[in-house]
Amino acid sequence: MTIYGTHFIYASLITLVVELPLLFLIGVYLLKIKVKKIFWVGLFTNLFSLPYLWFVFPLFIYIHNYVYVGEILVVLIEAIIFIKLFNINFKKSIFLSLVLNVASYFIGTLILG
């Protein structure tokens, strides 16, 4: 496995460890979403969006700091998924996606460098 692939695995694990508990807290206590649904939607959303950020977006986004544009796209894509699967409005879904992604981005950056 390449170093990039190894970092992807670490980033995936960090993302799940950071985002799932946050999603649980925000989902249950602020948005009143069922616990069982939170876990599966959170898992699906991350397993869907993270590979795009790491492997697909770099093929199409030709700027030096593509990760920022990629993160914005991930926030928007995840917000759409949250609207559909949690049945929440756009404002709540953007808030939720933004909080989760900012937290995992900064913690991941601290851990992975």
PDB file of N, CA and C in Angstrom:
ATOM      1  N   MET A   1       0.852  -1.179   0.000  1.00  0.00           N
ATOM      2  CA  MET A   1       0.000   0.000   0.000  1.00  0.00           C
ATOM      3  C   MET A   1       0.895   1.238   0.000  1.00  0.00           C
ATOM      4  N   THR A   2       0.463   2.257  -0.708  1.00  0.00           N
ATOM      5  CA  THR A   2       1.225   3.502  -0.788  1.00  0.00           C
ATOM      6  C   THR A   2       1.071   4.310   0.502  1.00  0.00           C
ATOM      7  N   ILE A   3       1.938   5.285   0.659  1.00  0.00           N
ATOM      8  CA  ILE A   3       1.832   6.179   1.816  1.00  0.00           C
ATOM      9  C   ILE A   3       0.504   6.930   1.763  1.00  0.00           C
ATOM     10  N   TYR A   4       0.105   7.352   0.562  1.00  0.00           N
ATOM     11  CA  TYR A   4      -1.169   8.055   0.390  1.00  0.00           C
ATOM     12  C   TYR A   4      -2.338   7.166   0.828  1.00  0.00           C
ATOM     13  N   GLY A   5      -2.282   5.895   0.451  1.00  0.00           N
ATOM     14  CA  GLY A   5      -3.317   4.946   0.845  1.00  0.00           C
ATOM     15  C   GLY A   5      -3.357   4.729   2.344  1.00  0.00           C
ATOM     16  N   THR A   6      -2.196   4.654   2.957  1.00  0.00           N
ATOM     17  CA  THR A   6      -2.118   4.497   4.405  1.00  0.00           C
ATOM     18  C   THR A   6      -2.689   5.720   5.114  1.00  0.00           C
ATOM     19  N   HIS A   7      -2.360   6.911   4.623  1.00  0.00           N
ATOM     20  CA  HIS A   7      -2.919   8.141   5.197  1.00  0.00           C
ATOM     21  C   HIS A   7      -4.435   8.179   5.026  1.00  0.00           C
ATOM     22  N   PHE A   8      -4.916   7.675   3.902  1.00  0.00           N
ATOM     23  CA  PHE A   8      -6.363   7.623   3.677  1.00  0.00           C
ATOM     24  C   PHE A   8      -7.035   6.745   4.728  1.00  0.00           C
ATOM     25  N   ILE A   9      -6.452   5.590   5.010  1.00  0.00           N
ATOM     26  CA  ILE A   9      -7.017   4.689   6.023  1.00  0.00           C
ATOM     27  C   ILE A   9      -7.034   5.378   7.389  1.00  0.00           C
ATOM     28  N   TYR A  10      -5.923   6.005   7.749  1.00  0.00           N
ATOM     29  CA  TYR A  10      -5.866   6.727   9.024  1.00  0.00           C
ATOM     30  C   TYR A  10      -6.892   7.862   9.053  1.00  0.00           C
ATOM     31  N   ALA A  11      -6.985   8.606   7.974  1.00  0.00           N
ATOM     32  CA  ALA A  11      -7.944   9.715   7.904  1.00  0.00           C
ATOM     33  C   ALA A  11      -9.378   9.201   8.017  1.00  0.00           C
ATOM     34  N   SER A  12      -9.659   8.068   7.405  1.00  0.00           N
ATOM     35  CA  SER A  12     -10.999   7.479   7.487  1.00  0.00           C
ATOM     36  C   SER A  12     -11.347   7.115   8.924  1.00  0.00           C
ATOM     37  N   LEU A  13     -10.406   6.492   9.603  1.00  0.00           N
ATOM     38  CA  LEU A  13     -10.637   6.108  10.998  1.00  0.00           C
ATOM     39  C   LEU A  13     -10.809   7.330  11.901  1.00  0.00           C
ATOM     40  N   ILE A  14      -9.962   8.326  11.709  1.00  0.00           N
ATOM     41  CA  ILE A  14     -10.076   9.558  12.500  1.00  0.00           C
ATOM     42  C   ILE A  14     -11.419  10.229  12.236  1.00  0.00           C
ATOM     43  N   THR A  15     -11.812  10.288  10.978  1.00  0.00           N
ATOM     44  CA  THR A  15     -13.088  10.913  10.617  1.00  0.00           C
ATOM     45  C   THR A  15     -14.246  10.216  11.315  1.00  0.00           C
ATOM     46  N   LEU A  16     -14.261   8.898  11.280  1.00  0.00           N
ATOM     47  CA  LEU A  16     -15.353   8.162  11.925  1.00  0.00           C
ATOM     48  C   LEU A  16     -15.334   8.335  13.441  1.00  0.00           C
ATOM     49  N   VAL A  17     -14.153   8.312  14.037  1.00  0.00           N
ATOM     50  CA  VAL A  17     -14.036   8.463  15.489  1.00  0.00           C
ATOM     51  C   VAL A  17     -14.471   9.858  15.936  1.00  0.00           C
ATOM     52  N   VAL A  18     -14.216  10.859  15.118  1.00  0.00           N
ATOM     53  CA  VAL A  18     -14.592  12.236  15.467  1.00  0.00           C
ATOM     54  C   VAL A  18     -16.054  12.513  15.108  1.00  0.00           C
ATOM     55  N   GLU A  19     -16.447  12.170  13.895  1.00  0.00           N
ATOM     56  CA  GLU A  19     -17.750  12.589  13.398  1.00  0.00           C
ATOM     57  C   GLU A  19     -18.928  11.792  13.950  1.00  0.00           C
ATOM     58  N   LEU A  20     -18.774  10.493  14.141  1.00  0.00           N
ATOM     59  CA  LEU A  20     -19.925   9.720  14.629  1.00  0.00           C
ATOM     60  C   LEU A  20     -20.387  10.138  16.021  1.00  0.00           C
ATOM     61  N   PRO A  21     -19.487  10.319  16.995  1.00  0.00           N
ATOM     62  CA  PRO A  21     -19.973  10.799  18.303  1.00  0.00           C
ATOM     63  C   PRO A  21     -20.582  12.206  18.237  1.00  0.00           C
ATOM     64  N   LEU A  22     -19.964  13.084  17.444  1.00  0.00           N
ATOM     65  CA  LEU A  22     -20.528  14.436  17.286  1.00  0.00           C
ATOM     66  C   LEU A  22     -21.901  14.387  16.630  1.00  0.00           C
ATOM     67  N   LEU A  23     -22.013  13.554  15.601  1.00  0.00           N
ATOM     68  CA  LEU A  23     -23.298  13.386  14.915  1.00  0.00           C
ATOM     69  C   LEU A  23     -24.343  12.855  15.883  1.00  0.00           C
ATOM     70  N   PHE A  24     -23.932  11.923  16.729  1.00  0.00           N
ATOM     71  CA  PHE A  24     -24.838  11.381  17.737  1.00  0.00           C
ATOM     72  C   PHE A  24     -25.320  12.485  18.677  1.00  0.00           C
ATOM     73  N   LEU A  25     -24.387  13.259  19.212  1.00  0.00           N
ATOM     74  CA  LEU A  25     -24.753  14.316  20.161  1.00  0.00           C
ATOM     75  C   LEU A  25     -25.672  15.358  19.532  1.00  0.00           C
ATOM     76  N   ILE A  26     -25.285  15.851  18.375  1.00  0.00           N
ATOM     77  CA  ILE A  26     -26.093  16.879  17.710  1.00  0.00           C
ATOM     78  C   ILE A  26     -27.419  16.294  17.239  1.00  0.00           C
ATOM     79  N   GLY A  27     -27.350  15.102  16.662  1.00  0.00           N
ATOM     80  CA  GLY A  27     -28.561  14.476  16.124  1.00  0.00           C
ATOM     81  C   GLY A  27     -29.591  14.158  17.180  1.00  0.00           C
ATOM     82  N   VAL A  28     -29.166  13.569  18.272  1.00  0.00           N
ATOM     83  CA  VAL A  28     -30.111  13.169  19.319  1.00  0.00           C
ATOM     84  C   VAL A  28     -30.599  14.371  20.119  1.00  0.00           C
ATOM     85  N   TYR A  29     -29.672  15.203  20.563  1.00  0.00           N
ATOM     86  CA  TYR A  29     -30.046  16.257  21.503  1.00  0.00           C
ATOM     87  C   TYR A  29     -30.557  17.541  20.854  1.00  0.00           C
ATOM     88  N   LEU A  30     -30.069  17.868  19.670  1.00  0.00           N
ATOM     89  CA  LEU A  30     -30.540  19.094  19.014  1.00  0.00           C
ATOM     90  C   LEU A  30     -31.585  18.830  17.931  1.00  0.00           C
ATOM     91  N   LEU A  31     -31.384  17.767  17.160  1.00  0.00           N
ATOM     92  CA  LEU A  31     -32.264  17.530  16.012  1.00  0.00           C
ATOM     93  C   LEU A  31     -33.302  16.438  16.246  1.00  0.00           C
ATOM     94  N   LYS A  32     -33.196  15.742  17.365  1.00  0.00           N
ATOM     95  CA  LYS A  32     -34.167  14.703  17.762  1.00  0.00           C
ATOM     96  C   LYS A  32     -34.279  13.574  16.727  1.00  0.00           C
ATOM     97  N   ILE A  33     -33.139  13.101  16.266  1.00  0.00           N
ATOM     98  CA  ILE A  33     -33.082  12.015  15.288  1.00  0.00           C
ATOM     99  C   ILE A  33     -32.864  10.706  16.050  1.00  0.00           C
ATOM    100  N   LYS A  34     -33.438   9.614  15.535  1.00  0.00           N
ATOM    101  CA  LYS A  34     -33.309   8.311  16.185  1.00  0.00           C
ATOM    102  C   LYS A  34     -31.858   7.829  16.150  1.00  0.00           C
ATOM    103  N   VAL A  35     -31.424   7.250  17.265  1.00  0.00           N
ATOM    104  CA  VAL A  35     -30.042   6.816  17.435  1.00  0.00           C
ATOM    105  C   VAL A  35     -29.617   5.825  16.348  1.00  0.00           C
ATOM    106  N   LYS A  36     -30.411   4.823  16.100  1.00  0.00           N
ATOM    107  CA  LYS A  36     -30.063   3.795  15.110  1.00  0.00           C
ATOM    108  C   LYS A  36     -29.858   4.409  13.731  1.00  0.00           C
ATOM    109  N   LYS A  37     -30.680   5.336  13.375  1.00  0.00           N
ATOM    110  CA  LYS A  37     -30.576   5.995  12.079  1.00  0.00           C
ATOM    111  C   LYS A  37     -29.297   6.829  11.993  1.00  0.00           C
ATOM    112  N   ILE A  38     -28.926   7.462  13.088  1.00  0.00           N
ATOM    113  CA  ILE A  38     -27.736   8.311  13.116  1.00  0.00           C
ATOM    114  C   ILE A  38     -26.494   7.509  12.781  1.00  0.00           C
ATOM    115  N   PHE A  39     -26.332   6.349  13.381  1.00  0.00           N
ATOM    116  CA  PHE A  39     -25.136   5.547  13.138  1.00  0.00           C
ATOM    117  C   PHE A  39     -25.028   5.160  11.670  1.00  0.00           C
ATOM    118  N   TRP A  40     -26.092   4.622  11.101  1.00  0.00           N
ATOM    119  CA  TRP A  40     -26.025   4.133   9.718  1.00  0.00           C
ATOM    120  C   TRP A  40     -25.869   5.259   8.711  1.00  0.00           C
ATOM    121  N   VAL A  41     -26.561   6.351   8.911  1.00  0.00           N
ATOM    122  CA  VAL A  41     -26.418   7.491   8.005  1.00  0.00           C
ATOM    123  C   VAL A  41     -25.018   8.088   8.124  1.00  0.00           C
ATOM    124  N   GLY A  42     -24.519   8.208   9.343  1.00  0.00           N
ATOM    125  CA  GLY A  42     -23.168   8.729   9.540  1.00  0.00           C
ATOM    126  C   GLY A  42     -22.118   7.859   8.896  1.00  0.00           C
ATOM    127  N   LEU A  43     -22.248   6.556   9.061  1.00  0.00           N
ATOM    128  CA  LEU A  43     -21.307   5.619   8.463  1.00  0.00           C
ATOM    129  C   LEU A  43     -21.370   5.690   6.939  1.00  0.00           C
ATOM    130  N   PHE A  44     -22.579   5.627   6.393  1.00  0.00           N
ATOM    131  CA  PHE A  44     -22.762   5.696   4.940  1.00  0.00           C
ATOM    132  C   PHE A  44     -22.210   6.994   4.368  1.00  0.00           C
ATOM    133  N   THR A  45     -22.539   8.097   4.992  1.00  0.00           N
ATOM    134  CA  THR A  45     -22.120   9.404   4.496  1.00  0.00           C
ATOM    135  C   THR A  45     -20.602   9.517   4.438  1.00  0.00           C
ATOM    136  N   ASN A  46     -19.938   9.078   5.491  1.00  0.00           N
ATOM    137  CA  ASN A  46     -18.478   9.156   5.511  1.00  0.00           C
ATOM    138  C   ASN A  46     -17.816   8.177   4.554  1.00  0.00           C
ATOM    139  N   LEU A  47     -18.328   6.978   4.473  1.00  0.00           N
ATOM    140  CA  LEU A  47     -17.748   5.998   3.561  1.00  0.00           C
ATOM    141  C   LEU A  47     -17.992   6.382   2.103  1.00  0.00           C
ATOM    142  N   PHE A  48     -19.002   7.206   1.876  1.00  0.00           N
ATOM    143  CA  PHE A  48     -19.298   7.695   0.530  1.00  0.00           C
ATOM    144  C   PHE A  48     -18.451   8.920   0.184  1.00  0.00           C
ATOM    145  N   SER A  49     -18.365   9.874   1.095  1.00  0.00           N
ATOM    146  CA  SER A  49     -17.745  11.157   0.751  1.00  0.00           C
ATOM    147  C   SER A  49     -16.220  11.185   0.869  1.00  0.00           C
ATOM    148  N   LEU A  50     -15.668  10.476   1.830  1.00  0.00           N
ATOM    149  CA  LEU A  50     -14.216  10.538   2.044  1.00  0.00           C
ATOM    150  C   LEU A  50     -13.401  10.035   0.846  1.00  0.00           C
ATOM    151  N   PRO A  51     -13.763   8.919   0.229  1.00  0.00           N
ATOM    152  CA  PRO A  51     -13.004   8.498  -0.964  1.00  0.00           C
ATOM    153  C   PRO A  51     -13.077   9.524  -2.101  1.00  0.00           C
ATOM    154  N   TYR A  52     -14.208  10.208  -2.233  1.00  0.00           N
ATOM    155  CA  TYR A  52     -14.296  11.242  -3.257  1.00  0.00           C
ATOM    156  C   TYR A  52     -13.317  12.367  -2.979  1.00  0.00           C
ATOM    157  N   LEU A  53     -13.240  12.790  -1.725  1.00  0.00           N
ATOM    158  CA  LEU A  53     -12.332  13.870  -1.357  1.00  0.00           C
ATOM    159  C   LEU A  53     -10.884  13.479  -1.630  1.00  0.00           C
ATOM    160  N   TRP A  54     -10.523  12.256  -1.340  1.00  0.00           N
ATOM    161  CA  TRP A  54      -9.128  11.820  -1.459  1.00  0.00           C
ATOM    162  C   TRP A  54      -8.738  11.354  -2.853  1.00  0.00           C
ATOM    163  N   PHE A  55      -9.673  10.725  -3.583  1.00  0.00           N
ATOM    164  CA  PHE A  55      -9.283  10.082  -4.835  1.00  0.00           C
ATOM    165  C   PHE A  55      -9.951  10.643  -6.090  1.00  0.00           C
ATOM    166  N   VAL A  56     -11.139  11.192  -5.981  1.00  0.00           N
ATOM    167  CA  VAL A  56     -11.858  11.676  -7.162  1.00  0.00           C
ATOM    168  C   VAL A  56     -11.660  13.172  -7.367  1.00  0.00           C
ATOM    169  N   PHE A  57     -11.924  13.977  -6.340  1.00  0.00           N
ATOM    170  CA  PHE A  57     -11.790  15.424  -6.479  1.00  0.00           C
ATOM    171  C   PHE A  57     -10.418  15.866  -6.982  1.00  0.00           C
ATOM    172  N   PRO A  58      -9.316  15.260  -6.516  1.00  0.00           N
ATOM    173  CA  PRO A  58      -8.001  15.702  -7.016  1.00  0.00           C
ATOM    174  C   PRO A  58      -7.831  15.523  -8.535  1.00  0.00           C
ATOM    175  N   LEU A  59      -8.615  14.634  -9.120  1.00  0.00           N
ATOM    176  CA  LEU A  59      -8.532  14.432 -10.570  1.00  0.00           C
ATOM    177  C   LEU A  59      -9.180  15.581 -11.351  1.00  0.00           C
ATOM    178  N   PHE A  60     -10.099  16.297 -10.716  1.00  0.00           N
ATOM    179  CA  PHE A  60     -10.862  17.328 -11.409  1.00  0.00           C
ATOM    180  C   PHE A  60     -10.606  18.745 -10.909  1.00  0.00           C
ATOM    181  N   ILE A  61     -10.084  18.877  -9.731  1.00  0.00           N
ATOM    182  CA  ILE A  61      -9.835  20.190  -9.155  1.00  0.00           C
ATOM    183  C   ILE A  61      -8.339  20.462  -9.272  1.00  0.00           C
ATOM    184  N   TYR A  62      -7.983  21.411 -10.120  1.00  0.00           N
ATOM    185  CA  TYR A  62      -6.582  21.657 -10.447  1.00  0.00           C
ATOM    186  C   TYR A  62      -6.010  22.891  -9.758  1.00  0.00           C
ATOM    187  N   ILE A  63      -6.307  23.071  -8.509  1.00  0.00           N
ATOM    188  CA  ILE A  63      -5.724  24.204  -7.801  1.00  0.00           C
ATOM    189  C   ILE A  63      -4.789  23.677  -6.723  1.00  0.00           C
ATOM    190  N   HIS A  64      -3.898  24.522  -6.286  1.00  0.00           N
ATOM    191  CA  HIS A  64      -2.874  24.119  -5.318  1.00  0.00           C
ATOM    192  C   HIS A  64      -3.479  23.545  -4.038  1.00  0.00           C
ATOM    193  N   ASN A  65      -4.415  24.232  -3.466  1.00  0.00           N
ATOM    194  CA  ASN A  65      -5.036  23.786  -2.215  1.00  0.00           C
ATOM    195  C   ASN A  65      -6.419  23.199  -2.479  1.00  0.00           C
ATOM    196  N   TYR A  66      -6.455  22.155  -3.304  1.00  0.00           N
ATOM    197  CA  TYR A  66      -7.734  21.552  -3.674  1.00  0.00           C
ATOM    198  C   TYR A  66      -8.512  21.064  -2.455  1.00  0.00           C
ATOM    199  N   VAL A  67      -7.823  20.770  -1.370  1.00  0.00           N
ATOM    200  CA  VAL A  67      -8.496  20.208  -0.211  1.00  0.00           C
ATOM    201  C   VAL A  67      -9.574  21.152   0.321  1.00  0.00           C
ATOM    202  N   TYR A  68      -9.364  22.452   0.238  1.00  0.00           N
ATOM    203  CA  TYR A  68     -10.368  23.402   0.729  1.00  0.00           C
ATOM    204  C   TYR A  68     -11.615  23.394  -0.154  1.00  0.00           C
ATOM    205  N   VAL A  69     -11.402  23.391  -1.457  1.00  0.00           N
ATOM    206  CA  VAL A  69     -12.539  23.304  -2.380  1.00  0.00           C
ATOM    207  C   VAL A  69     -13.225  21.951  -2.206  1.00  0.00           C
ATOM    208  N   GLY A  70     -12.418  20.911  -2.052  1.00  0.00           N
ATOM    209  CA  GLY A  70     -12.959  19.576  -1.836  1.00  0.00           C
ATOM    210  C   GLY A  70     -13.786  19.491  -0.565  1.00  0.00           C
ATOM    211  N   GLU A  71     -13.302  20.091   0.504  1.00  0.00           N
ATOM    212  CA  GLU A  71     -14.042  20.078   1.773  1.00  0.00           C
ATOM    213  C   GLU A  71     -15.376  20.823   1.638  1.00  0.00           C
ATOM    214  N   ILE A  72     -15.375  21.919   0.916  1.00  0.00           N
ATOM    215  CA  ILE A  72     -16.629  22.655   0.699  1.00  0.00           C
ATOM    216  C   ILE A  72     -17.616  21.781  -0.067  1.00  0.00           C
ATOM    217  N   LEU A  73     -17.122  21.094  -1.093  1.00  0.00           N
ATOM    218  CA  LEU A  73     -17.989  20.186  -1.852  1.00  0.00           C
ATOM    219  C   LEU A  73     -18.509  19.054  -0.976  1.00  0.00           C
ATOM    220  N   VAL A  74     -17.654  18.522  -0.119  1.00  0.00           N
ATOM    221  CA  VAL A  74     -18.078  17.452   0.791  1.00  0.00           C
ATOM    222  C   VAL A  74     -19.156  17.961   1.741  1.00  0.00           C
ATOM    223  N   VAL A  75     -18.982  19.158   2.280  1.00  0.00           N
ATOM    224  CA  VAL A  75     -19.995  19.733   3.175  1.00  0.00           C
ATOM    225  C   VAL A  75     -21.334  19.824   2.442  1.00  0.00           C
ATOM    226  N   LEU A  76     -21.322  20.294   1.215  1.00  0.00           N
ATOM    227  CA  LEU A  76     -22.567  20.417   0.449  1.00  0.00           C
ATOM    228  C   LEU A  76     -23.185  19.058   0.125  1.00  0.00           C
ATOM    229  N   ILE A  77     -22.356  18.110  -0.293  1.00  0.00           N
ATOM    230  CA  ILE A  77     -22.867  16.771  -0.621  1.00  0.00           C
ATOM    231  C   ILE A  77     -23.443  16.092   0.620  1.00  0.00           C
ATOM    232  N   GLU A  78     -22.712  16.177   1.732  1.00  0.00           N
ATOM    233  CA  GLU A  78     -23.215  15.570   2.960  1.00  0.00           C
ATOM    234  C   GLU A  78     -24.483  16.255   3.446  1.00  0.00           C
ATOM    235  N   ALA A  79     -24.571  17.556   3.261  1.00  0.00           N
ATOM    236  CA  ALA A  79     -25.789  18.276   3.650  1.00  0.00           C
ATOM    237  C   ALA A  79     -26.994  17.767   2.865  1.00  0.00           C
ATOM    238  N   ILE A  80     -26.802  17.514   1.593  1.00  0.00           N
ATOM    239  CA  ILE A  80     -27.893  16.972   0.766  1.00  0.00           C
ATOM    240  C   ILE A  80     -28.288  15.584   1.249  1.00  0.00           C
ATOM    241  N   ILE A  81     -27.295  14.771   1.571  1.00  0.00           N
ATOM    242  CA  ILE A  81     -27.591  13.432   2.104  1.00  0.00           C
ATOM    243  C   ILE A  81     -28.364  13.552   3.416  1.00  0.00           C
ATOM    244  N   PHE A  82     -27.950  14.469   4.295  1.00  0.00           N
ATOM    245  CA  PHE A  82     -28.644  14.651   5.572  1.00  0.00           C
ATOM    246  C   PHE A  82     -30.076  15.132   5.367  1.00  0.00           C
ATOM    247  N   ILE A  83     -30.298  16.010   4.405  1.00  0.00           N
ATOM    248  CA  ILE A  83     -31.658  16.476   4.110  1.00  0.00           C
ATOM    249  C   ILE A  83     -32.539  15.286   3.742  1.00  0.00           C
ATOM    250  N   LYS A  84     -32.031  14.459   2.861  1.00  0.00           N
ATOM    251  CA  LYS A  84     -32.816  13.318   2.367  1.00  0.00           C
ATOM    252  C   LYS A  84     -33.012  12.234   3.431  1.00  0.00           C
ATOM    253  N   LEU A  85     -31.939  11.857   4.126  1.00  0.00           N
ATOM    254  CA  LEU A  85     -32.016  10.710   5.027  1.00  0.00           C
ATOM    255  C   LEU A  85     -32.462  11.050   6.448  1.00  0.00           C
ATOM    256  N   PHE A  86     -32.211  12.263   6.905  1.00  0.00           N
ATOM    257  CA  PHE A  86     -32.658  12.676   8.237  1.00  0.00           C
ATOM    258  C   PHE A  86     -33.955  13.487   8.171  1.00  0.00           C
ATOM    259  N   ASN A  87     -34.340  13.873   6.967  1.00  0.00           N
ATOM    260  CA  ASN A  87     -35.548  14.680   6.782  1.00  0.00           C
ATOM    261  C   ASN A  87     -35.477  15.977   7.591  1.00  0.00           C
ATOM    262  N   ILE A  88     -34.351  16.690   7.430  1.00  0.00           N
ATOM    263  CA  ILE A  88     -34.170  17.983   8.086  1.00  0.00           C
ATOM    264  C   ILE A  88     -34.022  19.057   7.017  1.00  0.00           C
ATOM    265  N   ASN A  89     -34.178  20.303   7.398  1.00  0.00           N
ATOM    266  CA  ASN A  89     -34.107  21.387   6.421  1.00  0.00           C
ATOM    267  C   ASN A  89     -32.659  21.727   6.054  1.00  0.00           C
ATOM    268  N   PHE A  90     -32.513  22.569   5.047  1.00  0.00           N
ATOM    269  CA  PHE A  90     -31.195  22.908   4.511  1.00  0.00           C
ATOM    270  C   PHE A  90     -30.303  23.575   5.553  1.00  0.00           C
ATOM    271  N   LYS A  91     -30.855  24.505   6.305  1.00  0.00           N
ATOM    272  CA  LYS A  91     -30.066  25.234   7.306  1.00  0.00           C
ATOM    273  C   LYS A  91     -29.494  24.280   8.356  1.00  0.00           C
ATOM    274  N   LYS A  92     -30.312  23.366   8.858  1.00  0.00           N
ATOM    275  CA  LYS A  92     -29.843  22.402   9.850  1.00  0.00           C
ATOM    276  C   LYS A  92     -28.827  21.437   9.248  1.00  0.00           C
ATOM    277  N   SER A  93     -29.052  21.032   8.016  1.00  0.00           N
ATOM    278  CA  SER A  93     -28.141  20.071   7.393  1.00  0.00           C
ATOM    279  C   SER A  93     -26.779  20.699   7.103  1.00  0.00           C
ATOM    280  N   ILE A  94     -26.761  21.960   6.675  1.00  0.00           N
ATOM    281  CA  ILE A  94     -25.487  22.654   6.452  1.00  0.00           C
ATOM    282  C   ILE A  94     -24.752  22.829   7.777  1.00  0.00           C
ATOM    283  N   PHE A  95     -25.470  23.236   8.807  1.00  0.00           N
ATOM    284  CA  PHE A  95     -24.870  23.378  10.136  1.00  0.00           C
ATOM    285  C   PHE A  95     -24.239  22.064  10.583  1.00  0.00           C
ATOM    286  N   LEU A  96     -25.004  20.990  10.476  1.00  0.00           N
ATOM    287  CA  LEU A  96     -24.536  19.677  10.903  1.00  0.00           C
ATOM    288  C   LEU A  96     -23.301  19.241  10.116  1.00  0.00           C
ATOM    289  N   SER A  97     -23.369  19.339   8.819  1.00  0.00           N
ATOM    290  CA  SER A  97     -22.253  18.933   7.967  1.00  0.00           C
ATOM    291  C   SER A  97     -21.022  19.793   8.217  1.00  0.00           C
ATOM    292  N   LEU A  98     -21.214  21.081   8.370  1.00  0.00           N
ATOM    293  CA  LEU A  98     -20.096  21.996   8.603  1.00  0.00           C
ATOM    294  C   LEU A  98     -19.403  21.697   9.940  1.00  0.00           C
ATOM    295  N   VAL A  99     -20.170  21.517  10.998  1.00  0.00           N
ATOM    296  CA  VAL A  99     -19.590  21.219  12.312  1.00  0.00           C
ATOM    297  C   VAL A  99     -18.797  19.910  12.265  1.00  0.00           C
ATOM    298  N   LEU A 100     -19.392  18.881  11.672  1.00  0.00           N
ATOM    299  CA  LEU A 100     -18.725  17.575  11.612  1.00  0.00           C
ATOM    300  C   LEU A 100     -17.432  17.649  10.818  1.00  0.00           C
ATOM    301  N   ASN A 101     -17.484  18.293   9.667  1.00  0.00           N
ATOM    302  CA  ASN A 101     -16.315  18.332   8.794  1.00  0.00           C
ATOM    303  C   ASN A 101     -15.213  19.248   9.314  1.00  0.00           C
ATOM    304  N   VAL A 102     -15.577  20.346   9.916  1.00  0.00           N
ATOM    305  CA  VAL A 102     -14.556  21.222  10.502  1.00  0.00           C
ATOM    306  C   VAL A 102     -13.853  20.497  11.644  1.00  0.00           C
ATOM    307  N   ALA A 103     -14.624  19.826  12.481  1.00  0.00           N
ATOM    308  CA  ALA A 103     -14.026  19.095  13.610  1.00  0.00           C
ATOM    309  C   ALA A 103     -13.087  17.997  13.120  1.00  0.00           C
ATOM    310  N   SER A 104     -13.535  17.189  12.187  1.00  0.00           N
ATOM    311  CA  SER A 104     -12.678  16.087  11.729  1.00  0.00           C
ATOM    312  C   SER A 104     -11.477  16.598  10.923  1.00  0.00           C
ATOM    313  N   TYR A 105     -11.659  17.695  10.192  1.00  0.00           N
ATOM    314  CA  TYR A 105     -10.532  18.257   9.444  1.00  0.00           C
ATOM    315  C   TYR A 105      -9.434  18.729  10.396  1.00  0.00           C
ATOM    316  N   PHE A 106      -9.812  19.498  11.407  1.00  0.00           N
ATOM    317  CA  PHE A 106      -8.799  20.036  12.316  1.00  0.00           C
ATOM    318  C   PHE A 106      -8.166  18.964  13.198  1.00  0.00           C
ATOM    319  N   ILE A 107      -8.950  18.044  13.685  1.00  0.00           N
ATOM    320  CA  ILE A 107      -8.377  16.964  14.495  1.00  0.00           C
ATOM    321  C   ILE A 107      -7.510  16.069  13.628  1.00  0.00           C
ATOM    322  N   GLY A 108      -7.964  15.767  12.423  1.00  0.00           N
ATOM    323  CA  GLY A 108      -7.157  14.974  11.501  1.00  0.00           C
ATOM    324  C   GLY A 108      -5.856  15.657  11.139  1.00  0.00           C
ATOM    325  N   THR A 109      -5.898  16.956  10.944  1.00  0.00           N
ATOM    326  CA  THR A 109      -4.687  17.722  10.632  1.00  0.00           C
ATOM    327  C   THR A 109      -3.722  17.708  11.818  1.00  0.00           C
ATOM    328  N   LEU A 110      -4.240  17.825  13.018  1.00  0.00           N
ATOM    329  CA  LEU A 110      -3.383  17.769  14.205  1.00  0.00           C
ATOM    330  C   LEU A 110      -2.708  16.402  14.347  1.00  0.00           C
ATOM    331  N   ILE A 111      -3.448  15.347  14.072  1.00  0.00           N
ATOM    332  CA  ILE A 111      -2.919  14.004  14.247  1.00  0.00           C
ATOM    333  C   ILE A 111      -1.999  13.596  13.093  1.00  0.00           C
ATOM    334  N   LEU A 112      -2.450  13.834  11.871  1.00  0.00           N
ATOM    335  CA  LEU A 112      -1.684  13.378  10.702  1.00  0.00           C
ATOM    336  C   LEU A 112      -0.642  14.387  10.216  1.00  0.00           C
ATOM    337  N   GLY A 113      -0.824  15.607  10.629  1.00  0.00           N
ATOM    338  CA  GLY A 113       0.150  16.637  10.224  1.00  0.00           C
ATOM    339  C   GLY A 113      -0.259  17.319   9.023  1.00  0.00           C
TER     340      GLY A 113
END
